[in-house]
Each structure stands twice: as C-alpha cells, then as structure tokens.
C-alpha cells in the first residue's frame, strides 16, 4: 500500500509542470469588468481633452474611434454594474463628466459586440424612482475563437489617431504599451501596463507563427524592450511610434524593426 502511494505521488509531481505551465505563462491577465464610457465626439481633440482631464485626476482613461467614426472615452474596470454607476455618478456630481454609459462585458458573446452593448445614464425625473431589483451578476464568459482577429481589426480603427494617452509623467515604455492595452481593454482583456511587463505574460510565438492580434516586441534584448505593437496580418503591425505621433501601420520587414525584433506573445 505504501509503495502504491509513493508511486502515485511521484506521478503527480511529474505531471504538475505540464498541467500548470500554461497557467503560469498567462499569469497577470484578467478579464475586463464593467466600464464607464463618455462622449460622442466628431472631433478627436474633444476626446483628447476629456481623456487628459480624467488622467489628471488619476483615472486611467483612453479615447478610441468607434465603428461609426465617432470618438468616445472609456475608463474603469468594475466587478459590478452598480460599482461603475456609483463611480460615474460621483464624477457627474463633480462636473468632471456629463452623460455616461455603462459598458458591460457580455457572456458567451464576441468582444466585437462589447463596445455597442451599453447602458445609458438614467434621465432626470421628478418622480420617486422605483426601487431597483438587484440581479445576480453572472460570471463573464467569452468566445475567444476569433478574439485575435477582433483585436487586430480594433487596432486598425485607431490608425491615424494622434496618440496622447501617456500623460506627462509616464514611465519608459508606457506610450506604445498604452495603445495596445487600450485595444485589449476594448476586447475584454486586461494586460499589464508597460511593454516589459506585457512581454512577461502570454504564450511565446515564433515570427513565422504570428497571427492577428499577437503582440510584437522590439528592443535591444528581452530585458531591454522599449516598443510593442499589434500584429494585423501580411507582415504588418499597428503601433504608436512615439508620444504625440499618429498611430500607424508598419512592416515587420522594415530594417529598423527587423533588427530590433525580440519576440511575440499571444494572449487569447
């Protein structure tokens, strides 16, 4: 009996690395909860000003271009809808924002639809509001069969938008990583803030195995990464070249990027 137990323990120890390897690589990744979305701007500068105003209050906000060409600002990651609503109402009272929407993560649905499923702020009323019926929050589940493609198409919508999300006190490697973080946020996934931290999570991918939505990293070495972009197919990637510059598409075969390519990671 003792011999059987010892053999079982040895078997489990041998099996453990294979069973936990993937989980270890994806440590640091979480799903995005409920977010607050503000504005419907035709001029990107208005979205830029509101984003800066929120950032000055310590709120990690970003602006983006919706499919209809209108710009909006999004921020927050709340586990419950009520938490997001309370935070938004506080900002309304402080006159930081006006009307807002609550963007909800959708179970069993593609992240491409996440952007359009929103809850509008209630209109003012002189009547006593009905007591809200609390609903049990269901765990968020997402179909990730084509999430990489969705991330790539989302990234392409940013092309041509001036990058202003970094603020005045960003750390090294934050500018370009802020862009990819925003794209992944819209796709329902939280990734680390800096390019170096982003490189430490996810599954390693070879250059010849790149797929839409993979992050591609550049620098002098794996310990000196200073740039990141989102692969969108056909040897191209979308990135924020430098703070204040427009987001653009570049070729992986460009001599500068070819020499400085360090590796790629997949998060879906």
C-alpha atoms as a PDB file:
ATOM      1  CA  UNK A   1       0.000   0.000   0.000  1.00  0.00           C
ATOM      2  CA  UNK A   2       2.817   2.411   0.954  1.00  0.00           C
ATOM      3  CA  UNK A   3       4.625   1.638  -2.284  1.00  0.00           C
ATOM      4  CA  UNK A   4       1.481   2.440  -4.285  1.00  0.00           C
ATOM      5  CA  UNK A   5       1.079   5.796  -2.537  1.00  0.00           C
ATOM      6  CA  UNK A   6       4.721   6.694  -3.221  1.00  0.00           C
ATOM      7  CA  UNK A   7       4.328   5.866  -6.907  1.00  0.00           C
ATOM      8  CA  UNK A   8       1.177   7.988  -7.083  1.00  0.00           C
ATOM      9  CA  UNK A   9       2.935  10.987  -5.505  1.00  0.00           C
ATOM     10  CA  UNK A  10       5.862  10.699  -7.944  1.00  0.00           C
ATOM     11  CA  UNK A  11       3.429  10.512 -10.868  1.00  0.00           C
ATOM     12  CA  UNK A  12       1.606  13.660  -9.735  1.00  0.00           C
ATOM     13  CA  UNK A  13       4.878  15.556  -9.275  1.00  0.00           C
ATOM     14  CA  UNK A  14       5.961  14.664 -12.798  1.00  0.00           C
ATOM     15  CA  UNK A  15       2.595  15.692 -14.171  1.00  0.00           C
ATOM     16  CA  UNK A  16       2.436  19.044 -12.355  1.00  0.00           C
ATOM     17  CA  UNK A  17       4.727  21.130 -14.656  1.00  0.00           C
ATOM     18  CA  UNK A  18       2.778  20.123 -17.747  1.00  0.00           C
ATOM     19  CA  UNK A  19      -0.533  20.886 -16.093  1.00  0.00           C
ATOM     20  CA  UNK A  20       0.434  24.323 -14.779  1.00  0.00           C
ATOM     21  CA  UNK A  21       2.754  25.603 -17.488  1.00  0.00           C
ATOM     22  CA  UNK A  22       0.089  27.427 -19.486  1.00  0.00           C
ATOM     23  CA  UNK A  23      -1.439  28.998 -16.408  1.00  0.00           C
ATOM     24  CA  UNK A  24       1.957  30.286 -15.318  1.00  0.00           C
ATOM     25  CA  UNK A  25       2.572  31.916 -18.691  1.00  0.00           C
ATOM     26  CA  UNK A  26      -0.801  33.656 -18.602  1.00  0.00           C
ATOM     27  CA  UNK A  27      -0.427  34.944 -15.069  1.00  0.00           C
ATOM     28  CA  UNK A  28      -1.222  38.654 -14.833  1.00  0.00           C
ATOM     29  CA  UNK A  29      -4.095  38.533 -17.337  1.00  0.00           C
ATOM     30  CA  UNK A  30      -7.640  39.226 -16.187  1.00  0.00           C
ATOM     31  CA  UNK A  31     -10.970  39.920 -17.855  1.00  0.00           C
ATOM     32  CA  UNK A  32     -12.268  43.485 -18.005  1.00  0.00           C
ATOM     33  CA  UNK A  33     -15.418  44.096 -15.986  1.00  0.00           C
ATOM     34  CA  UNK A  34     -17.917  46.937 -16.305  1.00  0.00           C
ATOM     35  CA  UNK A  35     -16.525  50.195 -17.712  1.00  0.00           C
ATOM     36  CA  UNK A  36     -17.706  53.782 -17.980  1.00  0.00           C
ATOM     37  CA  UNK A  37     -17.969  55.288 -21.450  1.00  0.00           C
ATOM     38  CA  UNK A  38     -18.388  59.005 -22.062  1.00  0.00           C
ATOM     39  CA  UNK A  39     -18.887  61.255 -25.058  1.00  0.00           C
ATOM     40  CA  UNK A  40     -19.761  61.065 -28.732  1.00  0.00           C
ATOM     41  CA  UNK A  41     -17.224  63.388 -30.320  1.00  0.00           C
ATOM     42  CA  UNK A  42     -16.807  64.063 -34.023  1.00  0.00           C
ATOM     43  CA  UNK A  43     -13.560  65.926 -33.293  1.00  0.00           C
ATOM     44  CA  UNK A  44     -10.800  63.805 -31.759  1.00  0.00           C
ATOM     45  CA  UNK A  45      -9.431  66.847 -29.912  1.00  0.00           C
ATOM     46  CA  UNK A  46     -12.529  66.930 -27.708  1.00  0.00           C
ATOM     47  CA  UNK A  47     -11.992  63.283 -26.782  1.00  0.00           C
ATOM     48  CA  UNK A  48      -8.336  64.071 -26.141  1.00  0.00           C
ATOM     49  CA  UNK A  49      -9.200  66.945 -23.778  1.00  0.00           C
ATOM     50  CA  UNK A  50     -11.632  64.849 -21.737  1.00  0.00           C
ATOM     51  CA  UNK A  51      -9.132  61.997 -21.511  1.00  0.00           C
ATOM     52  CA  UNK A  52      -6.450  64.386 -20.239  1.00  0.00           C
ATOM     53  CA  UNK A  53      -8.887  65.825 -17.687  1.00  0.00           C
ATOM     54  CA  UNK A  54      -9.597  62.340 -16.322  1.00  0.00           C
ATOM     55  CA  UNK A  55      -5.919  61.391 -16.308  1.00  0.00           C
ATOM     56  CA  UNK A  56      -5.115  64.488 -14.269  1.00  0.00           C
ATOM     57  CA  UNK A  57      -7.430  63.044 -11.617  1.00  0.00           C
ATOM     58  CA  UNK A  58      -5.506  59.773 -11.612  1.00  0.00           C
ATOM     59  CA  UNK A  59      -8.045  57.920 -13.764  1.00  0.00           C
ATOM     60  CA  UNK A  60      -6.608  55.605 -16.401  1.00  0.00           C
ATOM     61  CA  UNK A  61      -8.691  56.665 -19.394  1.00  0.00           C
ATOM     62  CA  UNK A  62      -8.271  56.323 -23.150  1.00  0.00           C
ATOM     63  CA  UNK A  63     -10.141  57.545 -26.208  1.00  0.00           C
ATOM     64  CA  UNK A  64     -10.934  55.486 -29.266  1.00  0.00           C
ATOM     65  CA  UNK A  65     -12.733  55.615 -32.597  1.00  0.00           C
ATOM     66  CA  UNK A  66     -15.961  53.653 -32.841  1.00  0.00           C
ATOM     67  CA  UNK A  67     -17.122  51.879 -35.994  1.00  0.00           C
ATOM     68  CA  UNK A  68     -19.358  54.838 -36.878  1.00  0.00           C
ATOM     69  CA  UNK A  69     -16.359  57.196 -36.861  1.00  0.00           C
ATOM     70  CA  UNK A  70     -17.337  58.891 -33.604  1.00  0.00           C
ATOM     71  CA  UNK A  71     -14.806  59.167 -30.769  1.00  0.00           C
ATOM     72  CA  UNK A  72     -15.563  58.111 -27.203  1.00  0.00           C
ATOM     73  CA  UNK A  73     -13.663  57.946 -23.926  1.00  0.00           C
ATOM     74  CA  UNK A  74     -13.606  54.848 -21.736  1.00  0.00           C
ATOM     75  CA  UNK A  75     -12.241  54.098 -18.275  1.00  0.00           C
ATOM     76  CA  UNK A  76     -12.723  51.873 -15.258  1.00  0.00           C
ATOM     77  CA  UNK A  77     -12.833  48.162 -14.544  1.00  0.00           C
ATOM     78  CA  UNK A  78     -15.564  47.335 -12.060  1.00  0.00           C
ATOM     79  CA  UNK A  79     -16.730  43.883 -10.910  1.00  0.00           C
ATOM     80  CA  UNK A  80     -20.381  45.001 -10.703  1.00  0.00           C
ATOM     81  CA  UNK A  81     -22.596  47.360 -12.691  1.00  0.00           C
ATOM     82  CA  UNK A  82     -23.602  49.204  -9.514  1.00  0.00           C
ATOM     83  CA  UNK A  83     -19.956  49.945  -8.731  1.00  0.00           C
ATOM     84  CA  UNK A  84     -19.450  51.503 -12.166  1.00  0.00           C
ATOM     85  CA  UNK A  85     -22.667  53.504 -11.873  1.00  0.00           C
ATOM     86  CA  UNK A  86     -21.723  54.912  -8.455  1.00  0.00           C
ATOM     87  CA  UNK A  87     -18.283  55.946  -9.722  1.00  0.00           C
ATOM     88  CA  UNK A  88     -19.836  57.622 -12.776  1.00  0.00           C
ATOM     89  CA  UNK A  89     -22.451  59.476 -10.715  1.00  0.00           C
ATOM     90  CA  UNK A  90     -19.711  60.802  -8.427  1.00  0.00           C
ATOM     91  CA  UNK A  91     -17.876  62.210 -11.459  1.00  0.00           C
ATOM     92  CA  UNK A  92     -21.132  63.747 -12.714  1.00  0.00           C
ATOM     93  CA  UNK A  93     -21.660  65.498  -9.370  1.00  0.00           C
ATOM     94  CA  UNK A  94     -18.096  66.797  -9.549  1.00  0.00           C
ATOM     95  CA  UNK A  95     -18.851  68.040 -13.090  1.00  0.00           C
ATOM     96  CA  UNK A  96     -15.979  66.041 -14.487  1.00  0.00           C
ATOM     97  CA  UNK A  97     -18.252  64.233 -16.956  1.00  0.00           C
ATOM     98  CA  UNK A  98     -21.804  64.661 -18.228  1.00  0.00           C
ATOM     99  CA  UNK A  99     -23.950  61.888 -19.605  1.00  0.00           C
ATOM    100  CA  UNK A 100     -22.354  58.460 -19.467  1.00  0.00           C
ATOM    101  CA  UNK A 101     -22.866  54.844 -20.462  1.00  0.00           C
ATOM    102  CA  UNK A 102     -22.058  51.648 -18.623  1.00  0.00           C
ATOM    103  CA  UNK A 103     -20.321  49.207 -20.976  1.00  0.00           C
ATOM    104  CA  UNK A 104     -20.988  45.674 -19.809  1.00  0.00           C
ATOM    105  CA  UNK A 105     -18.990  42.517 -20.524  1.00  0.00           C
ATOM    106  CA  UNK A 106     -21.195  40.083 -22.359  1.00  0.00           C
ATOM    107  CA  UNK A 107     -21.272  36.337 -21.569  1.00  0.00           C
ATOM    108  CA  UNK A 108     -20.934  33.902 -24.450  1.00  0.00           C
ATOM    109  CA  UNK A 109     -20.590  36.727 -26.975  1.00  0.00           C
ATOM    110  CA  UNK A 110     -17.794  38.057 -29.135  1.00  0.00           C
ATOM    111  CA  UNK A 111     -15.894  41.074 -27.803  1.00  0.00           C
ATOM    112  CA  UNK A 112     -16.654  42.836 -31.085  1.00  0.00           C
ATOM    113  CA  UNK A 113     -20.163  43.363 -29.753  1.00  0.00           C
ATOM    114  CA  UNK A 114     -18.990  44.507 -26.339  1.00  0.00           C
ATOM    115  CA  UNK A 115     -18.495  48.077 -27.467  1.00  0.00           C
ATOM    116  CA  UNK A 116     -22.122  48.515 -28.554  1.00  0.00           C
ATOM    117  CA  UNK A 117     -23.846  46.876 -25.586  1.00  0.00           C
ATOM    118  CA  UNK A 118     -24.194  49.841 -23.256  1.00  0.00           C
ATOM    119  CA  UNK A 119     -26.459  51.104 -20.544  1.00  0.00           C
ATOM    120  CA  UNK A 120     -27.341  54.794 -20.733  1.00  0.00           C
ATOM    121  CA  UNK A 121     -27.388  57.038 -17.679  1.00  0.00           C
ATOM    122  CA  UNK A 122     -30.987  57.480 -16.433  1.00  0.00           C
ATOM    123  CA  UNK A 123     -32.686  60.745 -17.383  1.00  0.00           C
ATOM    124  CA  UNK A 124     -33.560  63.169 -14.563  1.00  0.00           C
ATOM    125  CA  UNK A 125     -37.035  62.603 -13.094  1.00  0.00           C
ATOM    126  CA  UNK A 126     -39.226  64.445 -10.578  1.00  0.00           C
ATOM    127  CA  UNK A 127     -40.973  61.257  -9.551  1.00  0.00           C
ATOM    128  CA  UNK A 128     -39.604  58.931  -6.930  1.00  0.00           C
ATOM    129  CA  UNK A 129     -37.613  56.221  -8.716  1.00  0.00           C
ATOM    130  CA  UNK A 130     -38.722  52.645  -8.305  1.00  0.00           C
ATOM    131  CA  UNK A 131     -36.603  50.523  -6.030  1.00  0.00           C
ATOM    132  CA  UNK A 132     -34.128  48.692  -8.261  1.00  0.00           C
ATOM    133  CA  UNK A 133     -34.304  44.939  -8.336  1.00  0.00           C
ATOM    134  CA  UNK A 134     -30.859  43.517  -7.707  1.00  0.00           C
ATOM    135  CA  UNK A 135     -29.839  40.843 -10.142  1.00  0.00           C
ATOM    136  CA  UNK A 136     -27.177  38.285  -9.526  1.00  0.00           C
ATOM    137  CA  UNK A 137     -24.104  39.074 -11.601  1.00  0.00           C
ATOM    138  CA  UNK A 138     -23.257  36.123 -13.822  1.00  0.00           C
ATOM    139  CA  UNK A 139     -19.643  35.130 -14.446  1.00  0.00           C
ATOM    140  CA  UNK A 140     -18.297  36.656 -17.649  1.00  0.00           C
ATOM    141  CA  UNK A 141     -17.613  34.101 -20.362  1.00  0.00           C
ATOM    142  CA  UNK A 142     -16.286  34.966 -23.788  1.00  0.00           C
ATOM    143  CA  UNK A 143     -15.953  33.100 -27.038  1.00  0.00           C
ATOM    144  CA  UNK A 144     -12.283  33.540 -27.893  1.00  0.00           C
ATOM    145  CA  UNK A 145     -12.233  31.553 -31.143  1.00  0.00           C
ATOM    146  CA  UNK A 146     -11.584  34.716 -33.177  1.00  0.00           C
ATOM    147  CA  UNK A 147     -10.501  37.159 -30.492  1.00  0.00           C
ATOM    148  CA  UNK A 148      -7.134  37.708 -32.162  1.00  0.00           C
ATOM    149  CA  UNK A 149      -8.848  38.816 -35.359  1.00  0.00           C
ATOM    150  CA  UNK A 150     -11.133  41.103 -33.399  1.00  0.00           C
ATOM    151  CA  UNK A 151      -8.135  42.677 -31.634  1.00  0.00           C
ATOM    152  CA  UNK A 152      -6.403  43.253 -34.984  1.00  0.00           C
ATOM    153  CA  UNK A 153      -9.465  44.891 -36.562  1.00  0.00           C
ATOM    154  CA  UNK A 154      -9.938  47.023 -33.454  1.00  0.00           C
ATOM    155  CA  UNK A 155      -6.304  48.147 -33.645  1.00  0.00           C
ATOM    156  CA  UNK A 156      -6.731  49.142 -37.304  1.00  0.00           C
ATOM    157  CA  UNK A 157      -9.553  51.515 -36.324  1.00  0.00           C
ATOM    158  CA  UNK A 158      -7.005  53.525 -34.331  1.00  0.00           C
ATOM    159  CA  UNK A 159      -4.755  54.170 -37.343  1.00  0.00           C
ATOM    160  CA  UNK A 160      -4.376  57.892 -37.974  1.00  0.00           C
ATOM    161  CA  UNK A 161      -5.437  58.916 -34.465  1.00  0.00           C
ATOM    162  CA  UNK A 162      -2.864  61.097 -32.668  1.00  0.00           C
ATOM    163  CA  UNK A 163      -1.504  59.391 -29.570  1.00  0.00           C
ATOM    164  CA  UNK A 164      -1.938  61.470 -26.405  1.00  0.00           C
ATOM    165  CA  UNK A 165      -2.735  58.908 -23.730  1.00  0.00           C
ATOM    166  CA  UNK A 166       0.603  58.803 -21.968  1.00  0.00           C
ATOM    167  CA  UNK A 167       0.231  61.971 -19.891  1.00  0.00           C
ATOM    168  CA  UNK A 168       3.220  63.965 -18.669  1.00  0.00           C
ATOM    169  CA  UNK A 169       4.710  61.502 -16.179  1.00  0.00           C
ATOM    170  CA  UNK A 170       4.707  58.160 -17.972  1.00  0.00           C
ATOM    171  CA  UNK A 171       7.372  55.565 -17.318  1.00  0.00           C
ATOM    172  CA  UNK A 172       9.707  54.341 -20.048  1.00  0.00           C
ATOM    173  CA  UNK A 173       7.891  52.038 -22.446  1.00  0.00           C
ATOM    174  CA  UNK A 174       4.422  53.221 -21.426  1.00  0.00           C
ATOM    175  CA  UNK A 175       3.416  55.198 -24.520  1.00  0.00           C
ATOM    176  CA  UNK A 176       3.194  52.415 -27.090  1.00  0.00           C
ATOM    177  CA  UNK A 177       2.048  49.906 -24.495  1.00  0.00           C
ATOM    178  CA  UNK A 178      -0.806  52.236 -23.528  1.00  0.00           C
ATOM    179  CA  UNK A 179      -2.157  51.837 -27.057  1.00  0.00           C
ATOM    180  CA  UNK A 180      -2.096  48.033 -27.077  1.00  0.00           C
ATOM    181  CA  UNK A 181      -3.516  47.999 -23.552  1.00  0.00           C
ATOM    182  CA  UNK A 182      -6.441  50.143 -24.760  1.00  0.00           C
ATOM    183  CA  UNK A 183      -7.131  47.789 -27.683  1.00  0.00           C
ATOM    184  CA  UNK A 184      -7.083  44.727 -25.451  1.00  0.00           C
ATOM    185  CA  UNK A 185      -9.301  46.534 -22.938  1.00  0.00           C
ATOM    186  CA  UNK A 186     -11.912  47.016 -25.661  1.00  0.00           C
ATOM    187  CA  UNK A 187     -11.614  43.295 -26.368  1.00  0.00           C
ATOM    188  CA  UNK A 188     -12.303  42.490 -22.728  1.00  0.00           C
ATOM    189  CA  UNK A 189      -8.801  41.570 -21.557  1.00  0.00           C
ATOM    190  CA  UNK A 190      -6.578  43.388 -19.071  1.00  0.00           C
ATOM    191  CA  UNK A 191      -2.869  43.204 -19.847  1.00  0.00           C
ATOM    192  CA  UNK A 192      -0.005  44.821 -17.875  1.00  0.00           C
ATOM    193  CA  UNK A 193       0.825  48.496 -18.357  1.00  0.00           C
ATOM    194  CA  UNK A 194       4.369  48.547 -19.732  1.00  0.00           C
ATOM    195  CA  UNK A 195       5.835  46.708 -22.705  1.00  0.00           C
ATOM    196  CA  UNK A 196       8.346  44.923 -20.473  1.00  0.00           C
ATOM    197  CA  UNK A 197       5.569  43.649 -18.208  1.00  0.00           C
ATOM    198  CA  UNK A 198       3.456  42.647 -21.208  1.00  0.00           C
ATOM    199  CA  UNK A 199       6.341  40.574 -22.549  1.00  0.00           C
ATOM    200  CA  UNK A 200       6.477  38.567 -19.317  1.00  0.00           C
ATOM    201  CA  UNK A 201       2.939  37.178 -19.765  1.00  0.00           C
ATOM    202  CA  UNK A 202       1.132  35.346 -22.550  1.00  0.00           C
ATOM    203  CA  UNK A 203       2.308  32.472 -24.741  1.00  0.00           C
ATOM    204  CA  UNK A 204       5.528  32.860 -26.717  1.00  0.00           C
ATOM    205  CA  UNK A 205       5.021  32.879 -30.503  1.00  0.00           C
ATOM    206  CA  UNK A 206       7.627  32.493 -33.247  1.00  0.00           C
ATOM    207  CA  UNK A 207       7.889  35.051 -36.041  1.00  0.00           C
ATOM    208  CA  UNK A 208       6.665  32.521 -38.602  1.00  0.00           C
ATOM    209  CA  UNK A 209       3.669  31.621 -36.419  1.00  0.00           C
ATOM    210  CA  UNK A 210       2.288  35.134 -35.953  1.00  0.00           C
ATOM    211  CA  UNK A 211      -1.488  35.546 -36.100  1.00  0.00           C
ATOM    212  CA  UNK A 212      -3.783  38.540 -35.969  1.00  0.00           C
ATOM    213  CA  UNK A 213      -3.869  40.115 -32.527  1.00  0.00           C
ATOM    214  CA  UNK A 214      -0.471  38.873 -31.324  1.00  0.00           C
ATOM    215  CA  UNK A 215       1.745  41.472 -29.688  1.00  0.00           C
ATOM    216  CA  UNK A 216       5.166  42.004 -31.270  1.00  0.00           C
ATOM    217  CA  UNK A 217       8.014  43.369 -29.145  1.00  0.00           C
ATOM    218  CA  UNK A 218      11.142  45.308 -30.077  1.00  0.00           C
ATOM    219  CA  UNK A 219      14.299  46.364 -28.268  1.00  0.00           C
ATOM    220  CA  UNK A 220      17.954  45.586 -27.718  1.00  0.00           C
ATOM    221  CA  UNK A 221      17.167  42.347 -25.862  1.00  0.00           C
ATOM    222  CA  UNK A 222      14.349  40.622 -23.933  1.00  0.00           C
ATOM    223  CA  UNK A 223      15.483  42.600 -20.886  1.00  0.00           C
ATOM    224  CA  UNK A 224      15.569  45.906 -22.779  1.00  0.00           C
ATOM    225  CA  UNK A 225      12.212  46.014 -24.588  1.00  0.00           C
ATOM    226  CA  UNK A 226      11.112  49.530 -25.437  1.00  0.00           C
ATOM    227  CA  UNK A 227       8.405  49.138 -28.088  1.00  0.00           C
ATOM    228  CA  UNK A 228       5.339  46.997 -28.804  1.00  0.00           C
ATOM    229  CA  UNK A 229       2.661  46.765 -31.481  1.00  0.00           C
ATOM    230  CA  UNK A 230      -0.274  44.582 -32.564  1.00  0.00           C
ATOM    231  CA  UNK A 231       0.195  42.214 -35.491  1.00  0.00           C
ATOM    232  CA  UNK A 232      -2.588  42.605 -38.092  1.00  0.00           C
ATOM    233  CA  UNK A 233      -1.510  40.146 -40.789  1.00  0.00           C
ATOM    234  CA  UNK A 234       0.546  40.215 -44.002  1.00  0.00           C
ATOM    235  CA  UNK A 235       3.732  41.057 -42.127  1.00  0.00           C
ATOM    236  CA  UNK A 236       2.280  44.299 -40.741  1.00  0.00           C
ATOM    237  CA  UNK A 237       1.634  45.639 -37.254  1.00  0.00           C
ATOM    238  CA  UNK A 238      -0.160  48.662 -35.795  1.00  0.00           C
ATOM    239  CA  UNK A 239       1.662  50.766 -33.215  1.00  0.00           C
ATOM    240  CA  UNK A 240       2.093  54.189 -31.623  1.00  0.00           C
ATOM    241  CA  UNK A 241       5.580  55.191 -32.867  1.00  0.00           C
ATOM    242  CA  UNK A 242       6.148  57.911 -30.267  1.00  0.00           C
ATOM    243  CA  UNK A 243       4.189  60.116 -27.943  1.00  0.00           C
ATOM    244  CA  UNK A 244       2.314  62.763 -29.935  1.00  0.00           C
ATOM    245  CA  UNK A 245       2.632  60.918 -33.252  1.00  0.00           C
ATOM    246  CA  UNK A 246      -0.275  59.313 -35.124  1.00  0.00           C
ATOM    247  CA  UNK A 247      -0.898  55.611 -34.717  1.00  0.00           C
ATOM    248  CA  UNK A 248       0.237  53.879 -37.883  1.00  0.00           C
ATOM    249  CA  UNK A 249       0.858  50.598 -39.687  1.00  0.00           C
ATOM    250  CA  UNK A 250       4.435  49.435 -40.256  1.00  0.00           C
ATOM    251  CA  UNK A 251       6.097  46.413 -41.833  1.00  0.00           C
ATOM    252  CA  UNK A 252       7.834  43.765 -39.761  1.00  0.00           C
ATOM    253  CA  UNK A 253      10.401  43.636 -42.588  1.00  0.00           C
ATOM    254  CA  UNK A 254      11.399  47.270 -42.175  1.00  0.00           C
ATOM    255  CA  UNK A 255      15.146  47.214 -41.495  1.00  0.00           C
ATOM    256  CA  UNK A 256      14.798  49.057 -38.174  1.00  0.00           C
ATOM    257  CA  UNK A 257      12.154  46.692 -36.773  1.00  0.00           C
ATOM    258  CA  UNK A 258      13.751  43.626 -38.339  1.00  0.00           C
ATOM    259  CA  UNK A 259      16.952  44.234 -36.383  1.00  0.00           C
ATOM    260  CA  UNK A 260      15.204  45.033 -33.117  1.00  0.00           C
ATOM    261  CA  UNK A 261      12.525  42.318 -33.104  1.00  0.00           C
ATOM    262  CA  UNK A 262      12.742  40.430 -29.802  1.00  0.00           C
ATOM    263  CA  UNK A 263       9.691  38.184 -29.846  1.00  0.00           C
ATOM    264  CA  UNK A 264       5.904  37.924 -29.815  1.00  0.00           C
ATOM    265  CA  UNK A 265       3.225  36.897 -27.350  1.00  0.00           C
ATOM    266  CA  UNK A 266      -0.341  35.617 -27.666  1.00  0.00           C
ATOM    267  CA  UNK A 267      -2.981  36.288 -25.049  1.00  0.00           C
ATOM    268  CA  UNK A 268      -6.119  34.650 -26.465  1.00  0.00           C
END
